[in-house]
């Protein structure tokens, strides 16, 4: 893309967790992952009120990562075994396509 070209527009409705969720999608886009992978990938959120880390853990490698966080960092981890609206719904549109996040009943044409 050239400077000034539209690469992608994305966003989500929600609470104070949304900036972190959007940043996780943007980070994956910067790594040039496909748009659907960026949106559907598991997310995490640091909850300073408890304190703990909420992590979406969809497979064994995610559960191992959560266990490493517990043991190596000594941080409480709350595991979510399926996508959840708690982690926002980041919807994206780009010149090459669009993707709606199922966490928030997203839809794209």
C-alpha atoms as a PDB file:
ATOM      1  CA  UNK A   1       0.000   0.000   0.000  1.00  0.00           C
ATOM      2  CA  UNK A   2       1.101   3.533  -0.718  1.00  0.00           C
ATOM      3  CA  UNK A   3       1.069   6.246   1.939  1.00  0.00           C
ATOM      4  CA  UNK A   4      -2.506   7.461   2.286  1.00  0.00           C
ATOM      5  CA  UNK A   5      -4.126   4.352   0.764  1.00  0.00           C
ATOM      6  CA  UNK A   6      -7.040   2.868   2.649  1.00  0.00           C
ATOM      7  CA  UNK A   7      -5.868  -0.463   4.024  1.00  0.00           C
ATOM      8  CA  UNK A   8      -8.607  -1.384   6.489  1.00  0.00           C
ATOM      9  CA  UNK A   9     -11.337   0.180   8.601  1.00  0.00           C
ATOM     10  CA  UNK A  10     -12.284  -1.568  11.821  1.00  0.00           C
ATOM     11  CA  UNK A  11     -14.023  -0.975  15.083  1.00  0.00           C
ATOM     12  CA  UNK A  12     -16.355  -2.246  17.740  1.00  0.00           C
ATOM     13  CA  UNK A  13     -18.994  -1.074  20.134  1.00  0.00           C
ATOM     14  CA  UNK A  14     -18.429  -1.830  23.775  1.00  0.00           C
ATOM     15  CA  UNK A  15     -16.622  -0.927  26.954  1.00  0.00           C
ATOM     16  CA  UNK A  16     -13.118  -0.162  28.164  1.00  0.00           C
ATOM     17  CA  UNK A  17     -11.901  -3.542  26.866  1.00  0.00           C
ATOM     18  CA  UNK A  18     -12.432  -2.541  23.222  1.00  0.00           C
ATOM     19  CA  UNK A  19      -9.162  -0.639  22.566  1.00  0.00           C
ATOM     20  CA  UNK A  20      -7.169  -3.706  23.605  1.00  0.00           C
ATOM     21  CA  UNK A  21      -9.291  -6.010  21.467  1.00  0.00           C
ATOM     22  CA  UNK A  22      -8.978  -3.752  18.417  1.00  0.00           C
ATOM     23  CA  UNK A  23      -5.202  -3.534  18.968  1.00  0.00           C
ATOM     24  CA  UNK A  24      -4.948  -7.342  19.001  1.00  0.00           C
ATOM     25  CA  UNK A  25      -6.659  -7.458  15.581  1.00  0.00           C
ATOM     26  CA  UNK A  26      -4.466  -4.634  14.220  1.00  0.00           C
ATOM     27  CA  UNK A  27      -1.330  -6.412  15.447  1.00  0.00           C
ATOM     28  CA  UNK A  28      -2.318  -9.532  13.525  1.00  0.00           C
ATOM     29  CA  UNK A  29      -3.021  -7.423  10.436  1.00  0.00           C
ATOM     30  CA  UNK A  30       0.463  -5.929  10.702  1.00  0.00           C
ATOM     31  CA  UNK A  31       1.751  -9.517  10.677  1.00  0.00           C
ATOM     32  CA  UNK A  32      -0.165  -9.875   7.366  1.00  0.00           C
ATOM     33  CA  UNK A  33      -2.545 -12.552   8.600  1.00  0.00           C
ATOM     34  CA  UNK A  34      -5.794 -12.961   6.603  1.00  0.00           C
ATOM     35  CA  UNK A  35      -8.648 -10.740   7.793  1.00  0.00           C
ATOM     36  CA  UNK A  36     -10.792 -13.672   8.987  1.00  0.00           C
ATOM     37  CA  UNK A  37      -7.877 -15.042  11.040  1.00  0.00           C
ATOM     38  CA  UNK A  38      -7.244 -11.615  12.568  1.00  0.00           C
ATOM     39  CA  UNK A  39     -10.856 -11.339  13.718  1.00  0.00           C
ATOM     40  CA  UNK A  40     -11.446 -14.920  14.887  1.00  0.00           C
ATOM     41  CA  UNK A  41      -8.133 -15.423  16.698  1.00  0.00           C
ATOM     42  CA  UNK A  42      -8.284 -15.865  20.475  1.00  0.00           C
ATOM     43  CA  UNK A  43      -7.922 -12.726  22.564  1.00  0.00           C
ATOM     44  CA  UNK A  44      -6.878 -11.800  26.058  1.00  0.00           C
ATOM     45  CA  UNK A  45      -7.656  -8.998  28.483  1.00  0.00           C
ATOM     46  CA  UNK A  46      -5.899  -7.834  31.650  1.00  0.00           C
ATOM     47  CA  UNK A  47      -8.522  -7.092  34.308  1.00  0.00           C
ATOM     48  CA  UNK A  48      -6.829  -4.844  36.844  1.00  0.00           C
ATOM     49  CA  UNK A  49      -9.858  -4.869  39.155  1.00  0.00           C
ATOM     50  CA  UNK A  50      -9.296  -8.539  40.136  1.00  0.00           C
ATOM     51  CA  UNK A  51      -6.262  -8.656  39.002  1.00  0.00           C
ATOM     52  CA  UNK A  52      -6.201 -11.438  36.420  1.00  0.00           C
ATOM     53  CA  UNK A  53      -5.880 -12.198  32.730  1.00  0.00           C
ATOM     54  CA  UNK A  54      -8.924 -13.394  30.805  1.00  0.00           C
ATOM     55  CA  UNK A  55      -7.823 -15.626  27.923  1.00  0.00           C
ATOM     56  CA  UNK A  56      -9.771 -17.304  25.141  1.00  0.00           C
ATOM     57  CA  UNK A  57      -8.381 -20.857  25.101  1.00  0.00           C
ATOM     58  CA  UNK A  58      -9.797 -22.747  22.116  1.00  0.00           C
ATOM     59  CA  UNK A  59      -7.226 -25.549  21.900  1.00  0.00           C
ATOM     60  CA  UNK A  60      -4.494 -27.313  23.830  1.00  0.00           C
ATOM     61  CA  UNK A  61      -1.743 -24.859  22.832  1.00  0.00           C
ATOM     62  CA  UNK A  62      -3.841 -21.974  24.223  1.00  0.00           C
ATOM     63  CA  UNK A  63      -4.385 -23.879  27.470  1.00  0.00           C
ATOM     64  CA  UNK A  64      -0.620 -24.490  27.744  1.00  0.00           C
ATOM     65  CA  UNK A  65      -0.025 -20.760  27.246  1.00  0.00           C
ATOM     66  CA  UNK A  66      -2.512 -19.989  30.027  1.00  0.00           C
ATOM     67  CA  UNK A  67      -0.726 -22.435  32.315  1.00  0.00           C
ATOM     68  CA  UNK A  68       2.631 -20.773  31.560  1.00  0.00           C
ATOM     69  CA  UNK A  69       1.148 -17.399  32.496  1.00  0.00           C
ATOM     70  CA  UNK A  70      -0.043 -18.890  35.788  1.00  0.00           C
ATOM     71  CA  UNK A  71       3.220 -20.605  36.689  1.00  0.00           C
ATOM     72  CA  UNK A  72       5.844 -18.261  35.247  1.00  0.00           C
ATOM     73  CA  UNK A  73       4.159 -14.944  36.021  1.00  0.00           C
ATOM     74  CA  UNK A  74       2.125 -16.023  39.018  1.00  0.00           C
ATOM     75  CA  UNK A  75      -0.975 -14.357  37.589  1.00  0.00           C
ATOM     76  CA  UNK A  76      -4.539 -15.625  37.954  1.00  0.00           C
ATOM     77  CA  UNK A  77      -5.939 -16.701  34.575  1.00  0.00           C
ATOM     78  CA  UNK A  78      -9.611 -17.069  33.695  1.00  0.00           C
ATOM     79  CA  UNK A  79      -9.950 -19.343  30.661  1.00  0.00           C
ATOM     80  CA  UNK A  80     -12.791 -18.986  28.178  1.00  0.00           C
ATOM     81  CA  UNK A  81     -13.245 -22.138  26.076  1.00  0.00           C
ATOM     82  CA  UNK A  82     -15.213 -20.533  23.252  1.00  0.00           C
ATOM     83  CA  UNK A  83     -15.442 -17.084  21.632  1.00  0.00           C
ATOM     84  CA  UNK A  84     -17.401 -14.682  23.820  1.00  0.00           C
ATOM     85  CA  UNK A  85     -18.789 -11.155  23.561  1.00  0.00           C
ATOM     86  CA  UNK A  86     -16.697 -10.319  26.655  1.00  0.00           C
ATOM     87  CA  UNK A  87     -13.808  -9.952  24.192  1.00  0.00           C
ATOM     88  CA  UNK A  88     -15.680  -7.521  21.967  1.00  0.00           C
ATOM     89  CA  UNK A  89     -16.731  -7.868  18.393  1.00  0.00           C
ATOM     90  CA  UNK A  90     -14.202  -6.337  16.037  1.00  0.00           C
ATOM     91  CA  UNK A  91     -15.684  -5.838  12.570  1.00  0.00           C
ATOM     92  CA  UNK A  92     -13.425  -5.047   9.593  1.00  0.00           C
ATOM     93  CA  UNK A  93     -13.762  -3.823   6.024  1.00  0.00           C
ATOM     94  CA  UNK A  94     -11.000  -3.443   3.459  1.00  0.00           C
ATOM     95  CA  UNK A  95     -10.782  -3.049  -0.311  1.00  0.00           C
ATOM     96  CA  UNK A  96     -10.159  -6.808  -0.573  1.00  0.00           C
ATOM     97  CA  UNK A  97     -13.050  -7.921   1.658  1.00  0.00           C
ATOM     98  CA  UNK A  98     -14.799  -7.624   4.979  1.00  0.00           C
ATOM     99  CA  UNK A  99     -15.386  -9.726   8.067  1.00  0.00           C
ATOM    100  CA  UNK A 100     -17.924  -9.517  10.882  1.00  0.00           C
ATOM    101  CA  UNK A 101     -16.999 -10.893  14.302  1.00  0.00           C
ATOM    102  CA  UNK A 102     -19.325 -13.689  15.424  1.00  0.00           C
ATOM    103  CA  UNK A 103     -18.671 -12.675  19.048  1.00  0.00           C
ATOM    104  CA  UNK A 104     -21.039  -9.777  18.428  1.00  0.00           C
ATOM    105  CA  UNK A 105     -23.224 -11.382  15.737  1.00  0.00           C
ATOM    106  CA  UNK A 106     -21.189  -9.665  13.032  1.00  0.00           C
ATOM    107  CA  UNK A 107     -22.064 -10.020   9.380  1.00  0.00           C
ATOM    108  CA  UNK A 108     -20.188  -9.049   6.248  1.00  0.00           C
ATOM    109  CA  UNK A 109     -21.140  -9.050   2.570  1.00  0.00           C
END
